[in-house]
Amino acid sequence: MKDYTIAPSLLAADFARLGEEAAMVLAAGADMLHFDVMDNHYVPNLTFGPLVCRALRNFGITAPIDVHLMTTSVDSLIPLFAEAGASIITFHPDAVIHIDRTISYIKSFGIKAGLVLNPATPTGILEYTIASCDIILCMSVNPGFGGQAFIPYVLDKITRVRELIEKSGRSVMLEVDGGISTSNIGQVAQAGADTFVAGSAIFGSGDYAATISAMRHSLDFLKR
């Protein structure tokens, strides 16, 4: 039976109350926090840095923090986020020169590492990297902004990535980020995902616990 992970995206939280928001969404049933790092270069937006990640840890957040680097500078940020308390670091392969080296660098800090595939990024790169990845993140929107609609053709990509994971014989998380809601999370899980990033659907709902419970209900239905 597959275990599912729900990871609310802090991009949709109230930045003025970020520690409280993080604690509330975890108390409402979330498994880990998704931490979107945008640099206004790789994507047209600017968000958090390592100091904010550290502030969450200092606030008392002990749940896993899943750091998604949407940045052109990757290697220089890795030790900073590792020291700040990141549990997972993922990056876009087109943002680095030596992909395998960067994966190894992340793992040298004792944290999980993985690649992020944009909607139009081919899956072929995984043929050479899946053996060293702990997680693959499939973007179901073009990165840079929250609140976007799910891109339907990514479902086929999720299925393809799941096939590659099964073929590898390794336990690799398959995460999907973008437009995840109570209405489509079951479909995304059926395609092969086991980890779901949801921002606006949770933080914009007004009732975090009810929304996460509804997502769990859809996922539990698949286990029957």
N, C-alpha and C. Protein backbone atom coordinates (compact mmCIF):
# COMPACT_ATOMS: atom_id res chain seq x y z
N MET A 1 0.84 -1.19 0.00
CA MET A 1 0.00 0.00 0.00
C MET A 1 0.88 1.25 0.00
N LYS A 2 0.60 2.16 -0.90
CA LYS A 2 1.43 3.34 -1.06
C LYS A 2 1.15 4.37 0.04
N ASP A 3 2.21 4.97 0.56
CA ASP A 3 2.07 6.06 1.51
C ASP A 3 2.08 7.38 0.74
N TYR A 4 1.17 8.26 1.09
CA TYR A 4 1.07 9.55 0.42
C TYR A 4 1.51 10.68 1.35
N THR A 5 2.14 11.69 0.75
CA THR A 5 2.65 12.83 1.50
C THR A 5 2.02 14.11 0.96
N ILE A 6 1.47 14.91 1.87
CA ILE A 6 0.91 16.20 1.50
C ILE A 6 1.85 17.29 2.02
N ALA A 7 2.29 18.15 1.09
CA ALA A 7 3.28 19.17 1.41
C ALA A 7 2.76 20.55 1.02
N PRO A 8 2.13 21.26 1.93
CA PRO A 8 1.65 22.61 1.61
C PRO A 8 2.79 23.53 1.20
N SER A 9 2.54 24.33 0.17
CA SER A 9 3.54 25.28 -0.30
C SER A 9 3.42 26.58 0.48
N LEU A 10 4.49 26.96 1.15
CA LEU A 10 4.49 28.19 1.93
C LEU A 10 4.40 29.44 1.06
N LEU A 11 4.55 29.27 -0.24
CA LEU A 11 4.41 30.40 -1.15
C LEU A 11 3.02 31.04 -1.04
N ALA A 12 2.03 30.21 -0.66
CA ALA A 12 0.65 30.69 -0.56
C ALA A 12 0.27 31.13 0.85
N ALA A 13 1.21 30.99 1.79
CA ALA A 13 0.92 31.35 3.18
C ALA A 13 1.01 32.86 3.39
N ASP A 14 0.57 33.29 4.55
CA ASP A 14 0.69 34.70 4.95
C ASP A 14 2.12 34.93 5.43
N PHE A 15 2.92 35.64 4.63
CA PHE A 15 4.33 35.82 4.95
C PHE A 15 4.54 36.54 6.28
N ALA A 16 3.60 37.39 6.66
CA ALA A 16 3.74 38.13 7.91
C ALA A 16 3.56 37.23 9.13
N ARG A 17 2.99 36.04 8.91
CA ARG A 17 2.75 35.10 10.01
C ARG A 17 3.27 33.71 9.62
N LEU A 18 4.43 33.67 8.98
CA LEU A 18 4.89 32.44 8.36
C LEU A 18 5.08 31.30 9.35
N GLY A 19 5.69 31.58 10.51
CA GLY A 19 5.87 30.54 11.51
C GLY A 19 4.55 29.98 11.99
N GLU A 20 3.62 30.86 12.28
CA GLU A 20 2.30 30.43 12.75
C GLU A 20 1.57 29.63 11.66
N GLU A 21 1.65 30.12 10.43
CA GLU A 21 0.99 29.43 9.32
C GLU A 21 1.56 28.02 9.14
N ALA A 22 2.88 27.91 9.23
CA ALA A 22 3.53 26.61 9.09
C ALA A 22 3.07 25.66 10.19
N ALA A 23 3.04 26.15 11.43
CA ALA A 23 2.61 25.32 12.55
C ALA A 23 1.15 24.92 12.41
N MET A 24 0.31 25.83 11.95
CA MET A 24 -1.12 25.56 11.81
C MET A 24 -1.40 24.50 10.75
N VAL A 25 -0.69 24.60 9.62
CA VAL A 25 -0.97 23.65 8.54
C VAL A 25 -0.44 22.26 8.90
N LEU A 26 0.62 22.20 9.66
CA LEU A 26 1.10 20.89 10.13
C LEU A 26 0.15 20.29 11.16
N ALA A 27 -0.36 21.13 12.04
CA ALA A 27 -1.33 20.67 13.02
C ALA A 27 -2.62 20.20 12.34
N ALA A 28 -2.89 20.74 11.15
CA ALA A 28 -4.09 20.38 10.40
C ALA A 28 -3.94 19.08 9.64
N GLY A 29 -2.72 18.48 9.67
CA GLY A 29 -2.54 17.17 9.06
C GLY A 29 -1.53 17.07 7.93
N ALA A 30 -0.84 18.17 7.62
CA ALA A 30 0.19 18.11 6.58
C ALA A 30 1.39 17.30 7.05
N ASP A 31 2.15 16.75 6.10
CA ASP A 31 3.30 15.89 6.43
C ASP A 31 4.62 16.65 6.41
N MET A 32 4.77 17.56 5.48
CA MET A 32 6.00 18.34 5.39
C MET A 32 5.68 19.68 4.74
N LEU A 33 6.63 20.59 4.73
CA LEU A 33 6.45 21.92 4.17
C LEU A 33 7.25 22.05 2.88
N HIS A 34 6.62 22.63 1.88
CA HIS A 34 7.32 22.89 0.62
C HIS A 34 7.77 24.35 0.61
N PHE A 35 9.05 24.56 0.36
CA PHE A 35 9.69 25.87 0.52
C PHE A 35 10.19 26.33 -0.84
N ASP A 36 9.44 27.20 -1.48
CA ASP A 36 9.76 27.65 -2.84
C ASP A 36 10.76 28.79 -2.83
N VAL A 37 11.94 28.54 -3.36
CA VAL A 37 13.00 29.55 -3.41
C VAL A 37 13.09 30.10 -4.83
N MET A 38 12.75 31.38 -5.00
CA MET A 38 12.77 32.01 -6.32
C MET A 38 13.72 33.21 -6.29
N ASP A 39 14.48 33.37 -7.38
CA ASP A 39 15.56 34.35 -7.36
C ASP A 39 15.39 35.54 -8.31
N ASN A 40 14.22 35.63 -9.00
CA ASN A 40 13.98 36.70 -9.95
C ASN A 40 14.93 36.63 -11.17
N HIS A 41 15.57 35.47 -11.35
CA HIS A 41 16.41 35.23 -12.53
C HIS A 41 15.93 33.97 -13.26
N TYR A 42 15.95 32.85 -12.55
CA TYR A 42 15.45 31.61 -13.16
C TYR A 42 13.94 31.71 -13.37
N VAL A 43 13.26 32.36 -12.44
CA VAL A 43 11.82 32.61 -12.56
C VAL A 43 11.56 34.09 -12.24
N PRO A 44 10.45 34.64 -12.74
CA PRO A 44 10.18 36.07 -12.55
C PRO A 44 9.49 36.37 -11.21
N ASN A 45 10.10 35.94 -10.14
CA ASN A 45 9.55 36.21 -8.81
C ASN A 45 10.69 36.12 -7.82
N LEU A 46 10.48 36.63 -6.61
CA LEU A 46 11.51 36.65 -5.58
C LEU A 46 10.86 36.27 -4.25
N THR A 47 11.40 35.22 -3.61
CA THR A 47 10.75 34.76 -2.37
C THR A 47 11.74 34.63 -1.22
N PHE A 48 11.88 33.42 -0.69
CA PHE A 48 12.61 33.18 0.55
C PHE A 48 14.09 32.86 0.33
N GLY A 49 14.85 33.00 1.41
CA GLY A 49 16.24 32.57 1.43
C GLY A 49 16.50 31.69 2.63
N PRO A 50 17.75 31.29 2.84
CA PRO A 50 18.10 30.40 3.95
C PRO A 50 17.74 30.96 5.33
N LEU A 51 17.80 32.27 5.50
CA LEU A 51 17.49 32.85 6.81
C LEU A 51 16.05 32.58 7.21
N VAL A 52 15.16 32.55 6.22
CA VAL A 52 13.75 32.28 6.52
C VAL A 52 13.57 30.80 6.89
N CYS A 53 14.29 29.94 6.22
CA CYS A 53 14.26 28.51 6.56
C CYS A 53 14.75 28.31 7.99
N ARG A 54 15.84 28.95 8.34
CA ARG A 54 16.38 28.87 9.69
C ARG A 54 15.39 29.44 10.70
N ALA A 55 14.71 30.52 10.34
CA ALA A 55 13.73 31.13 11.24
C ALA A 55 12.59 30.17 11.55
N LEU A 56 12.18 29.39 10.57
CA LEU A 56 11.13 28.39 10.81
C LEU A 56 11.60 27.33 11.80
N ARG A 57 12.84 26.90 11.64
CA ARG A 57 13.39 25.92 12.60
C ARG A 57 13.47 26.55 13.99
N ASN A 58 13.91 27.78 14.07
CA ASN A 58 14.01 28.45 15.36
C ASN A 58 12.64 28.67 15.98
N PHE A 59 11.63 28.81 15.14
CA PHE A 59 10.26 28.98 15.62
C PHE A 59 9.75 27.71 16.28
N GLY A 60 10.36 26.57 15.89
CA GLY A 60 9.96 25.30 16.47
C GLY A 60 9.44 24.28 15.48
N ILE A 61 9.55 24.59 14.18
CA ILE A 61 9.09 23.65 13.16
C ILE A 61 10.08 22.49 13.06
N THR A 62 9.59 21.28 13.30
CA THR A 62 10.46 20.09 13.25
C THR A 62 10.13 19.18 12.06
N ALA A 63 9.03 19.43 11.39
CA ALA A 63 8.66 18.62 10.23
C ALA A 63 9.67 18.80 9.10
N PRO A 64 9.71 17.85 8.18
CA PRO A 64 10.62 18.01 7.03
C PRO A 64 10.32 19.28 6.24
N ILE A 65 11.39 19.95 5.80
CA ILE A 65 11.26 21.12 4.93
C ILE A 65 11.87 20.77 3.58
N ASP A 66 11.02 20.83 2.57
CA ASP A 66 11.35 20.43 1.21
C ASP A 66 11.69 21.69 0.41
N VAL A 67 12.98 21.94 0.21
CA VAL A 67 13.44 23.17 -0.43
C VAL A 67 13.55 22.97 -1.94
N HIS A 68 12.78 23.76 -2.68
CA HIS A 68 12.77 23.70 -4.14
C HIS A 68 13.48 24.95 -4.66
N LEU A 69 14.67 24.76 -5.22
CA LEU A 69 15.48 25.87 -5.72
C LEU A 69 15.10 26.21 -7.15
N MET A 70 14.37 27.31 -7.32
CA MET A 70 14.10 27.85 -8.65
C MET A 70 15.05 29.02 -8.85
N THR A 71 16.33 28.66 -8.97
CA THR A 71 17.40 29.66 -8.98
C THR A 71 18.46 29.31 -10.02
N THR A 72 19.17 30.32 -10.48
CA THR A 72 20.29 30.06 -11.38
C THR A 72 21.56 29.73 -10.58
N SER A 73 21.61 30.20 -9.36
CA SER A 73 22.70 29.84 -8.46
C SER A 73 22.22 28.70 -7.58
N VAL A 74 22.80 27.53 -7.77
CA VAL A 74 22.35 26.35 -7.02
C VAL A 74 23.42 25.89 -6.02
N ASP A 75 24.60 25.60 -6.53
CA ASP A 75 25.65 25.02 -5.67
C ASP A 75 26.00 25.92 -4.49
N SER A 76 25.99 27.24 -4.69
CA SER A 76 26.35 28.14 -3.60
C SER A 76 25.28 28.18 -2.51
N LEU A 77 24.04 27.85 -2.88
CA LEU A 77 22.94 27.87 -1.90
C LEU A 77 22.83 26.58 -1.10
N ILE A 78 23.36 25.51 -1.63
CA ILE A 78 23.19 24.20 -0.98
C ILE A 78 23.70 24.19 0.46
N PRO A 79 24.95 24.59 0.73
CA PRO A 79 25.40 24.55 2.13
C PRO A 79 24.62 25.49 3.03
N LEU A 80 24.15 26.60 2.49
CA LEU A 80 23.39 27.56 3.29
C LEU A 80 22.05 26.97 3.72
N PHE A 81 21.37 26.30 2.81
CA PHE A 81 20.09 25.68 3.17
C PHE A 81 20.29 24.42 4.01
N ALA A 82 21.36 23.70 3.77
CA ALA A 82 21.65 22.53 4.61
C ALA A 82 21.85 22.96 6.06
N GLU A 83 22.60 24.02 6.25
CA GLU A 83 22.85 24.54 7.60
C GLU A 83 21.60 25.16 8.21
N ALA A 84 20.69 25.65 7.36
CA ALA A 84 19.47 26.30 7.83
C ALA A 84 18.39 25.31 8.23
N GLY A 85 18.60 24.02 7.91
CA GLY A 85 17.64 23.01 8.34
C GLY A 85 16.83 22.35 7.26
N ALA A 86 17.23 22.47 6.00
CA ALA A 86 16.51 21.80 4.91
C ALA A 86 16.60 20.29 5.08
N SER A 87 15.53 19.60 4.75
CA SER A 87 15.50 18.14 4.78
C SER A 87 15.71 17.55 3.39
N ILE A 88 15.23 18.28 2.38
CA ILE A 88 15.31 17.89 0.98
C ILE A 88 15.68 19.13 0.18
N ILE A 89 16.53 18.96 -0.82
CA ILE A 89 16.79 20.04 -1.77
C ILE A 89 16.62 19.51 -3.18
N THR A 90 15.76 20.16 -3.95
CA THR A 90 15.60 19.82 -5.36
C THR A 90 15.99 21.02 -6.21
N PHE A 91 16.44 20.74 -7.43
CA PHE A 91 16.87 21.82 -8.32
C PHE A 91 16.54 21.46 -9.76
N HIS A 92 16.55 22.47 -10.61
CA HIS A 92 16.27 22.29 -12.03
C HIS A 92 17.56 21.96 -12.76
N PRO A 93 17.59 20.86 -13.51
CA PRO A 93 18.84 20.44 -14.16
C PRO A 93 19.42 21.45 -15.14
N ASP A 94 18.55 22.29 -15.73
CA ASP A 94 19.06 23.28 -16.68
C ASP A 94 19.68 24.49 -15.99
N ALA A 95 19.68 24.48 -14.65
CA ALA A 95 20.25 25.61 -13.90
C ALA A 95 21.69 25.33 -13.44
N VAL A 96 22.18 24.12 -13.70
CA VAL A 96 23.54 23.77 -13.27
C VAL A 96 24.34 23.23 -14.45
N ILE A 97 25.65 23.16 -14.25
CA ILE A 97 26.53 22.65 -15.31
C ILE A 97 26.73 21.15 -15.16
N HIS A 98 27.00 20.70 -13.93
CA HIS A 98 27.27 19.28 -13.68
C HIS A 98 26.18 18.72 -12.76
N ILE A 99 25.17 18.12 -13.35
CA ILE A 99 23.99 17.66 -12.61
C ILE A 99 24.34 16.62 -11.56
N ASP A 100 25.08 15.61 -11.96
CA ASP A 100 25.42 14.53 -11.02
C ASP A 100 26.25 15.05 -9.86
N ARG A 101 27.16 15.96 -10.15
CA ARG A 101 27.99 16.54 -9.10
C ARG A 101 27.15 17.31 -8.08
N THR A 102 26.15 18.04 -8.57
CA THR A 102 25.29 18.82 -7.68
C THR A 102 24.44 17.90 -6.81
N ILE A 103 23.93 16.81 -7.38
CA ILE A 103 23.17 15.84 -6.58
C ILE A 103 24.05 15.29 -5.46
N SER A 104 25.27 14.91 -5.82
CA SER A 104 26.19 14.37 -4.82
C SER A 104 26.53 15.39 -3.75
N TYR A 105 26.65 16.65 -4.16
CA TYR A 105 26.98 17.73 -3.22
C TYR A 105 25.87 17.89 -2.18
N ILE A 106 24.63 17.86 -2.63
CA ILE A 106 23.50 17.95 -1.70
C ILE A 106 23.54 16.79 -0.71
N LYS A 107 23.74 15.59 -1.22
CA LYS A 107 23.71 14.40 -0.37
C LYS A 107 24.89 14.35 0.59
N SER A 108 25.95 15.07 0.28
CA SER A 108 27.12 15.10 1.17
C SER A 108 26.79 15.77 2.50
N PHE A 109 25.70 16.54 2.53
CA PHE A 109 25.28 17.19 3.77
C PHE A 109 24.30 16.33 4.57
N GLY A 110 24.05 15.12 4.07
CA GLY A 110 23.17 14.21 4.78
C GLY A 110 21.70 14.47 4.56
N ILE A 111 21.36 15.17 3.49
CA ILE A 111 19.96 15.43 3.18
C ILE A 111 19.60 14.85 1.82
N LYS A 112 18.30 14.73 1.56
CA LYS A 112 17.84 14.12 0.32
C LYS A 112 17.97 15.10 -0.84
N ALA A 113 18.19 14.53 -2.04
CA ALA A 113 18.41 15.36 -3.22
C ALA A 113 17.56 14.87 -4.38
N GLY A 114 17.19 15.80 -5.25
CA GLY A 114 16.42 15.39 -6.41
C GLY A 114 16.36 16.44 -7.49
N LEU A 115 15.76 16.06 -8.61
CA LEU A 115 15.64 16.93 -9.77
C LEU A 115 14.20 17.40 -9.95
N VAL A 116 14.08 18.57 -10.57
CA VAL A 116 12.77 19.14 -10.89
C VAL A 116 12.63 19.19 -12.41
N LEU A 117 11.52 18.65 -12.90
CA LEU A 117 11.25 18.68 -14.33
C LEU A 117 10.12 19.67 -14.60
N ASN A 118 10.41 20.72 -15.36
CA ASN A 118 9.37 21.64 -15.79
C ASN A 118 8.40 20.93 -16.73
N PRO A 119 7.23 21.51 -16.97
CA PRO A 119 6.26 20.81 -17.83
C PRO A 119 6.82 20.33 -19.16
N ALA A 120 7.65 21.14 -19.80
CA ALA A 120 8.18 20.76 -21.12
C ALA A 120 9.57 20.13 -21.06
N THR A 121 10.09 19.86 -19.87
CA THR A 121 11.40 19.21 -19.75
C THR A 121 11.27 17.71 -20.01
N PRO A 122 12.03 17.16 -20.96
CA PRO A 122 11.94 15.72 -21.24
C PRO A 122 12.38 14.88 -20.04
N THR A 123 11.88 13.66 -19.98
CA THR A 123 12.22 12.77 -18.87
C THR A 123 13.52 12.00 -19.12
N GLY A 124 14.09 12.14 -20.31
CA GLY A 124 15.28 11.36 -20.66
C GLY A 124 16.45 11.56 -19.71
N ILE A 125 16.54 12.74 -19.10
CA ILE A 125 17.65 13.03 -18.20
C ILE A 125 17.66 12.07 -17.01
N LEU A 126 16.51 11.51 -16.69
CA LEU A 126 16.43 10.60 -15.54
C LEU A 126 17.11 9.26 -15.81
N GLU A 127 17.29 8.94 -17.06
CA GLU A 127 17.96 7.68 -17.42
C GLU A 127 19.34 7.59 -16.77
N TYR A 128 19.98 8.75 -16.63
CA TYR A 128 21.35 8.79 -16.11
C TYR A 128 21.43 9.27 -14.66
N THR A 129 20.33 9.74 -14.11
CA THR A 129 20.40 10.35 -12.78
C THR A 129 19.51 9.70 -11.74
N ILE A 130 18.54 8.91 -12.15
CA ILE A 130 17.57 8.38 -11.19
C ILE A 130 18.23 7.47 -10.15
N ALA A 131 19.37 6.89 -10.51
CA ALA A 131 20.07 6.02 -9.58
C ALA A 131 20.61 6.77 -8.37
N SER A 132 20.72 8.08 -8.47
CA SER A 132 21.25 8.86 -7.35
C SER A 132 20.23 9.83 -6.75
N CYS A 133 19.03 9.86 -7.31
CA CYS A 133 18.00 10.78 -6.81
C CYS A 133 17.17 10.13 -5.70
N ASP A 134 16.78 10.93 -4.73
CA ASP A 134 15.86 10.49 -3.69
C ASP A 134 14.44 10.93 -4.01
N ILE A 135 14.31 11.92 -4.88
CA ILE A 135 13.00 12.50 -5.20
C ILE A 135 13.04 13.08 -6.60
N ILE A 136 11.93 12.95 -7.32
CA ILE A 136 11.74 13.63 -8.60
C ILE A 136 10.50 14.49 -8.46
N LEU A 137 10.64 15.78 -8.78
CA LEU A 137 9.53 16.71 -8.71
C LEU A 137 9.10 17.07 -10.12
N CYS A 138 7.86 16.74 -10.45
CA CYS A 138 7.28 17.11 -11.73
C CYS A 138 6.45 18.38 -11.54
N MET A 139 6.82 19.43 -12.24
CA MET A 139 6.04 20.66 -12.20
C MET A 139 4.83 20.51 -13.11
N SER A 140 3.66 20.79 -12.57
CA SER A 140 2.43 20.72 -13.37
C SER A 140 1.92 22.12 -13.70
N VAL A 141 2.76 23.11 -13.46
CA VAL A 141 2.59 24.49 -13.94
C VAL A 141 3.98 24.98 -14.30
N ASN A 142 4.06 26.06 -15.03
CA ASN A 142 5.37 26.66 -15.27
C ASN A 142 5.79 27.41 -14.01
N PRO A 143 6.99 27.17 -13.51
CA PRO A 143 7.39 27.69 -12.20
C PRO A 143 7.47 29.21 -12.16
N GLY A 144 7.24 29.74 -10.97
CA GLY A 144 7.41 31.18 -10.79
C GLY A 144 6.29 31.86 -10.04
N PHE A 145 5.09 31.28 -10.10
CA PHE A 145 3.95 31.91 -9.45
C PHE A 145 3.02 30.85 -8.87
N GLY A 146 2.36 31.17 -7.77
CA GLY A 146 1.34 30.30 -7.22
C GLY A 146 0.01 30.58 -7.88
N GLY A 147 -0.97 29.71 -7.60
CA GLY A 147 -2.33 29.93 -8.07
C GLY A 147 -2.58 29.60 -9.52
N GLN A 148 -1.67 28.89 -10.19
CA GLN A 148 -1.85 28.55 -11.59
C GLN A 148 -2.67 27.27 -11.75
N ALA A 149 -3.25 27.09 -12.94
CA ALA A 149 -4.05 25.89 -13.22
C ALA A 149 -3.15 24.73 -13.63
N PHE A 150 -3.53 23.53 -13.23
CA PHE A 150 -2.83 22.30 -13.55
C PHE A 150 -2.78 22.09 -15.06
N ILE A 151 -1.60 21.73 -15.58
CA ILE A 151 -1.44 21.45 -17.01
C ILE A 151 -1.70 19.97 -17.25
N PRO A 152 -2.78 19.61 -17.96
CA PRO A 152 -3.20 18.21 -18.07
C PRO A 152 -2.17 17.25 -18.66
N TYR A 153 -1.37 17.70 -19.64
CA TYR A 153 -0.44 16.75 -20.27
C TYR A 153 0.64 16.25 -19.33
N VAL A 154 0.80 16.91 -18.18
CA VAL A 154 1.81 16.45 -17.22
C VAL A 154 1.42 15.11 -16.62
N LEU A 155 0.15 14.74 -16.68
CA LEU A 155 -0.27 13.43 -16.17
C LEU A 155 0.49 12.31 -16.87
N ASP A 156 0.66 12.41 -18.18
CA ASP A 156 1.41 11.40 -18.93
C ASP A 156 2.86 11.36 -18.48
N LYS A 157 3.42 12.53 -18.20
CA LYS A 157 4.81 12.58 -17.74
C LYS A 157 4.94 11.92 -16.38
N ILE A 158 4.00 12.16 -15.48
CA ILE A 158 4.02 11.54 -14.15
C ILE A 158 4.03 10.02 -14.28
N THR A 159 3.19 9.51 -15.17
CA THR A 159 3.14 8.07 -15.39
C THR A 159 4.47 7.54 -15.91
N ARG A 160 5.08 8.28 -16.82
CA ARG A 160 6.38 7.88 -17.37
C ARG A 160 7.46 7.88 -16.29
N VAL A 161 7.47 8.90 -15.45
CA VAL A 161 8.46 8.96 -14.37
C VAL A 161 8.23 7.81 -13.39
N ARG A 162 6.98 7.50 -13.09
CA ARG A 162 6.70 6.36 -12.21
C ARG A 162 7.24 5.08 -12.80
N GLU A 163 7.10 4.89 -14.09
CA GLU A 163 7.64 3.70 -14.76
C GLU A 163 9.15 3.64 -14.62
N LEU A 164 9.82 4.78 -14.76
CA LEU A 164 11.28 4.81 -14.63
C LEU A 164 11.71 4.50 -13.19
N ILE A 165 10.95 4.99 -12.22
CA ILE A 165 11.26 4.69 -10.82
C ILE A 165 11.11 3.20 -10.55
N GLU A 166 10.01 2.62 -11.02
CA GLU A 166 9.79 1.19 -10.81
C GLU A 166 10.88 0.36 -11.49
N LYS A 167 11.27 0.79 -12.67
CA LYS A 167 12.34 0.08 -13.39
C LYS A 167 13.66 0.15 -12.65
N SER A 168 13.90 1.25 -11.95
CA SER A 168 15.16 1.42 -11.22
C SER A 168 15.24 0.53 -10.00
N GLY A 169 14.08 0.11 -9.49
CA GLY A 169 14.06 -0.73 -8.30
C GLY A 169 14.36 0.02 -7.01
N ARG A 170 14.39 1.34 -7.09
CA ARG A 170 14.72 2.16 -5.92
C ARG A 170 13.46 2.84 -5.36
N SER A 171 13.56 3.23 -4.11
CA SER A 171 12.47 3.96 -3.46
C SER A 171 12.72 5.46 -3.67
N VAL A 172 12.06 6.02 -4.66
CA VAL A 172 12.24 7.43 -5.03
C VAL A 172 10.88 8.12 -4.92
N MET A 173 10.83 9.21 -4.19
CA MET A 173 9.59 9.96 -4.08
C MET A 173 9.25 10.61 -5.42
N LEU A 174 7.97 10.60 -5.77
CA LEU A 174 7.51 11.27 -6.99
C LEU A 174 6.54 12.37 -6.58
N GLU A 175 7.04 13.59 -6.63
CA GLU A 175 6.31 14.76 -6.15
C GLU A 175 5.74 15.54 -7.34
N VAL A 176 4.57 16.12 -7.15
CA VAL A 176 3.96 16.95 -8.17
C VAL A 176 3.58 18.30 -7.55
N ASP A 177 3.89 19.36 -8.27
CA ASP A 177 3.69 20.72 -7.76
C ASP A 177 3.03 21.58 -8.82
N GLY A 178 1.86 22.13 -8.49
CA GLY A 178 1.21 23.08 -9.37
C GLY A 178 -0.24 22.75 -9.65
N GLY A 179 -1.14 23.55 -9.12
CA GLY A 179 -2.56 23.36 -9.40
C GLY A 179 -3.18 22.16 -8.73
N ILE A 180 -2.53 21.61 -7.70
CA ILE A 180 -3.09 20.46 -6.99
C ILE A 180 -4.24 20.94 -6.10
N SER A 181 -5.36 20.21 -6.17
CA SER A 181 -6.54 20.58 -5.39
C SER A 181 -7.28 19.32 -4.95
N THR A 182 -8.33 19.52 -4.19
CA THR A 182 -9.14 18.37 -3.76
C THR A 182 -9.80 17.68 -4.95
N SER A 183 -10.00 18.40 -6.02
CA SER A 183 -10.71 17.83 -7.18
C SER A 183 -9.82 17.00 -8.10
N ASN A 184 -8.50 17.22 -8.06
CA ASN A 184 -7.64 16.48 -8.99
C ASN A 184 -6.55 15.65 -8.32
N ILE A 185 -6.43 15.71 -7.00
CA ILE A 185 -5.33 15.00 -6.34
C ILE A 185 -5.43 13.48 -6.56
N GLY A 186 -6.65 12.97 -6.63
CA GLY A 186 -6.81 11.53 -6.87
C GLY A 186 -6.33 11.15 -8.25
N GLN A 187 -6.62 11.96 -9.24
CA GLN A 187 -6.18 11.70 -10.61
C GLN A 187 -4.66 11.74 -10.71
N VAL A 188 -4.05 12.69 -10.01
CA VAL A 188 -2.59 12.81 -10.02
C VAL A 188 -1.96 11.61 -9.33
N ALA A 189 -2.58 11.13 -8.27
CA ALA A 189 -2.09 9.93 -7.58
C ALA A 189 -2.22 8.70 -8.48
N GLN A 190 -3.32 8.60 -9.19
CA GLN A 190 -3.51 7.47 -10.10
C GLN A 190 -2.45 7.46 -11.20
N ALA A 191 -1.99 8.63 -11.58
CA ALA A 191 -0.94 8.72 -12.61
C ALA A 191 0.40 8.22 -12.08
N GLY A 192 0.57 8.21 -10.74
CA GLY A 192 1.81 7.66 -10.18
C GLY A 192 2.46 8.48 -9.10
N ALA A 193 1.93 9.66 -8.79
CA ALA A 193 2.55 10.51 -7.77
C ALA A 193 2.27 9.99 -6.36
N ASP A 194 3.19 10.27 -5.44
CA ASP A 194 2.97 9.92 -4.04
C ASP A 194 3.13 11.11 -3.10
N THR A 195 3.59 12.24 -3.63
CA THR A 195 3.82 13.44 -2.83
C THR A 195 3.20 14.63 -3.56
N PHE A 196 2.42 15.42 -2.82
CA PHE A 196 1.60 16.45 -3.46
C PHE A 196 1.83 17.81 -2.81
N VAL A 197 2.26 18.76 -3.63
CA VAL A 197 2.46 20.13 -3.18
C VAL A 197 1.18 20.91 -3.50
N ALA A 198 0.58 21.49 -2.47
CA ALA A 198 -0.64 22.28 -2.67
C ALA A 198 -0.49 23.59 -1.92
N GLY A 199 -0.65 24.69 -2.63
CA GLY A 199 -0.50 26.00 -2.01
C GLY A 199 -1.82 26.69 -1.80
N SER A 200 -2.33 27.31 -2.87
CA SER A 200 -3.58 28.06 -2.78
C SER A 200 -4.75 27.20 -2.34
N ALA A 201 -4.76 25.93 -2.76
CA ALA A 201 -5.88 25.05 -2.41
C ALA A 201 -6.01 24.87 -0.91
N ILE A 202 -4.87 24.91 -0.20
CA ILE A 202 -4.90 24.75 1.25
C ILE A 202 -4.96 26.10 1.94
N PHE A 203 -3.97 26.96 1.70
CA PHE A 203 -3.89 28.22 2.42
C PHE A 203 -5.01 29.19 2.05
N GLY A 204 -5.60 29.01 0.90
CA GLY A 204 -6.70 29.88 0.50
C GLY A 204 -8.07 29.32 0.83
N SER A 205 -8.09 28.19 1.51
CA SER A 205 -9.37 27.49 1.75
C SER A 205 -10.15 28.02 2.95
N GLY A 206 -9.44 28.61 3.92
CA GLY A 206 -10.11 29.07 5.12
C GLY A 206 -10.24 28.00 6.19
N ASP A 207 -10.02 26.75 5.81
CA ASP A 207 -10.09 25.64 6.78
C ASP A 207 -9.05 24.61 6.36
N TYR A 208 -7.85 24.76 6.88
CA TYR A 208 -6.74 23.89 6.48
C TYR A 208 -7.05 22.42 6.75
N ALA A 209 -7.56 22.14 7.93
CA ALA A 209 -7.82 20.75 8.31
C ALA A 209 -8.85 20.10 7.41
N ALA A 210 -9.92 20.82 7.08
CA ALA A 210 -10.97 20.26 6.23
C ALA A 210 -10.44 19.99 4.83
N THR A 211 -9.62 20.89 4.32
CA THR A 211 -9.08 20.72 2.97
C THR A 211 -8.11 19.55 2.91
N ILE A 212 -7.22 19.46 3.88
CA ILE A 212 -6.27 18.34 3.91
C ILE A 212 -7.01 17.02 4.12
N SER A 213 -8.05 17.04 4.96
CA SER A 213 -8.85 15.84 5.18
C SER A 213 -9.53 15.40 3.88
N ALA A 214 -10.02 16.35 3.10
CA ALA A 214 -10.66 16.02 1.83
C ALA A 214 -9.65 15.42 0.86
N MET A 215 -8.43 15.95 0.88
CA MET A 215 -7.37 15.38 0.03
C MET A 215 -7.05 13.96 0.47
N ARG A 216 -6.95 13.75 1.77
CA ARG A 216 -6.68 12.40 2.30
C ARG A 216 -7.79 11.43 1.90
N HIS A 217 -9.02 11.91 1.95
CA HIS A 217 -10.14 11.05 1.59
C HIS A 217 -10.01 10.56 0.15
N SER A 218 -9.64 11.47 -0.75
CA SER A 218 -9.46 11.09 -2.16
C SER A 218 -8.33 10.08 -2.31
N LEU A 219 -7.25 10.28 -1.56
CA LEU A 219 -6.12 9.37 -1.64
C LEU A 219 -6.43 8.02 -0.98
N ASP A 220 -7.14 8.05 0.13
CA ASP A 220 -7.51 6.80 0.82
C ASP A 220 -8.41 5.96 -0.05
N PHE A 221 -9.24 6.59 -0.84
CA PHE A 221 -10.15 5.88 -1.74
C PHE A 221 -9.36 5.00 -2.71
N LEU A 222 -8.18 5.50 -3.12
CA LEU A 222 -7.34 4.75 -4.07
C LEU A 222 -6.72 3.51 -3.42
N LYS A 223 -6.62 3.51 -2.10
CA LYS A 223 -5.99 2.39 -1.40
C LYS A 223 -6.94 1.20 -1.24
N ARG A 224 -8.22 1.42 -1.46
CA ARG A 224 -9.20 0.35 -1.24
C ARG A 224 -9.12 -0.73 -2.30
